[in-house]
Amino acid sequence: MEQTKARIREFLGRYVNSGQLADDQDMFASGYVNSLFAIQLVLFVENELGTPVADGDLDFDNFRSIDAVARFVAARAASSAHA
């Protein structure tokens, strides 16, 4: 999961000063990103992390923090492995 978090931090660093962003910090509430950026984040998760995002997954709670995104990716990988 740490490798996934590092990739998420790298992605965020292209758009925001993510060096000050804690893994559990709410990116939206803290003002680092906005709802429009959520689309870019979803596309990153799908295209760069190889994790499909279904309509039912489009919940801010899945993308609110670095930890949340990493957990989402890990959960999808685990469910794919069991399928």
Protein backbone atom coordinates (compact mmCIF):
# COMPACT_ATOMS: atom_id res chain seq x y z
CA MET A 1 0.00 0.00 0.00
CA GLU A 2 2.95 2.37 0.61
CA GLN A 3 3.89 2.20 -3.08
CA THR A 4 0.33 3.17 -4.00
CA LYS A 5 0.44 6.09 -1.56
CA ALA A 6 3.74 7.24 -3.07
CA ARG A 7 2.23 7.20 -6.55
CA ILE A 8 -0.80 9.16 -5.32
CA ARG A 9 1.48 11.73 -3.65
CA GLU A 10 3.50 12.03 -6.86
CA PHE A 11 0.33 12.60 -8.88
CA LEU A 12 -1.01 15.19 -6.42
CA GLY A 13 2.36 16.93 -6.42
CA ARG A 14 1.89 17.78 -10.10
CA TYR A 15 -1.13 19.91 -9.20
CA VAL A 16 -0.87 20.98 -5.55
CA ASN A 17 1.76 21.42 -2.86
CA SER A 18 1.18 17.96 -1.46
CA GLY A 19 4.33 17.96 0.68
CA GLN A 20 2.32 19.44 3.52
CA LEU A 21 -0.59 17.03 3.03
CA ALA A 22 -0.86 14.24 5.60
CA ASP A 23 -2.00 10.83 4.35
CA ASP A 24 -5.19 11.03 6.40
CA GLN A 25 -5.92 14.70 5.72
CA ASP A 26 -9.13 15.54 3.85
CA MET A 27 -7.85 17.06 0.59
CA PHE A 28 -11.18 18.67 -0.22
CA ALA A 29 -11.97 20.17 3.19
CA SER A 30 -8.39 21.45 3.47
CA GLY A 31 -8.70 23.27 0.16
CA TYR A 32 -5.91 21.37 -1.60
CA VAL A 33 -8.27 20.13 -4.28
CA ASN A 34 -11.83 20.82 -5.38
CA SER A 35 -14.68 18.76 -6.76
CA LEU A 36 -13.55 19.35 -10.34
CA PHE A 37 -10.16 17.89 -9.49
CA ALA A 38 -11.96 14.76 -8.30
CA ILE A 39 -12.49 13.86 -11.96
CA GLN A 40 -8.75 14.00 -12.59
CA LEU A 41 -8.15 11.90 -9.49
CA VAL A 42 -10.65 9.27 -10.64
CA LEU A 43 -8.99 9.15 -14.07
CA PHE A 44 -5.59 8.75 -12.39
CA VAL A 45 -6.90 5.85 -10.31
CA GLU A 46 -8.31 4.17 -13.41
CA ASN A 47 -5.54 4.87 -15.91
CA GLU A 48 -2.38 4.99 -13.83
CA LEU A 49 -3.23 2.67 -10.96
CA GLY A 50 -5.26 0.30 -13.15
CA THR A 51 -8.25 0.30 -10.84
CA PRO A 52 -11.70 0.48 -12.43
CA VAL A 53 -14.06 2.95 -10.78
CA ALA A 54 -17.74 2.05 -11.14
CA ASP A 55 -20.55 4.58 -10.84
CA GLY A 56 -21.29 3.30 -7.33
CA ASP A 57 -17.69 4.02 -6.31
CA LEU A 58 -17.99 7.73 -7.11
CA ASP A 59 -18.22 8.78 -3.51
CA PHE A 60 -16.00 11.52 -2.07
CA ASP A 61 -15.22 9.21 0.84
CA ASN A 62 -13.26 6.96 -1.56
CA PHE A 63 -11.12 9.90 -2.73
CA ARG A 64 -11.04 12.26 0.26
CA SER A 65 -7.47 11.51 1.38
CA ILE A 66 -4.35 9.70 0.26
CA ASP A 67 -5.24 6.94 2.73
CA ALA A 68 -8.79 6.70 1.35
CA VAL A 69 -7.61 6.39 -2.25
CA ALA A 70 -5.03 3.77 -1.29
CA ARG A 71 -7.66 1.78 0.65
CA PHE A 72 -10.04 1.98 -2.30
CA VAL A 73 -7.37 0.70 -4.70
CA ALA A 74 -6.40 -2.11 -2.29
CA ALA A 75 -10.04 -3.12 -1.80
CA ARG A 76 -10.65 -3.29 -5.54
CA ALA A 77 -7.48 -5.33 -6.04
CA ALA A 78 -8.58 -7.73 -3.31
CA SER A 79 -12.07 -8.10 -4.74
CA SER A 80 -10.62 -8.71 -8.22
CA ALA A 81 -8.34 -11.40 -6.83
CA HIS A 82 -11.34 -13.22 -5.33
CA ALA A 83 -13.45 -12.95 -8.48
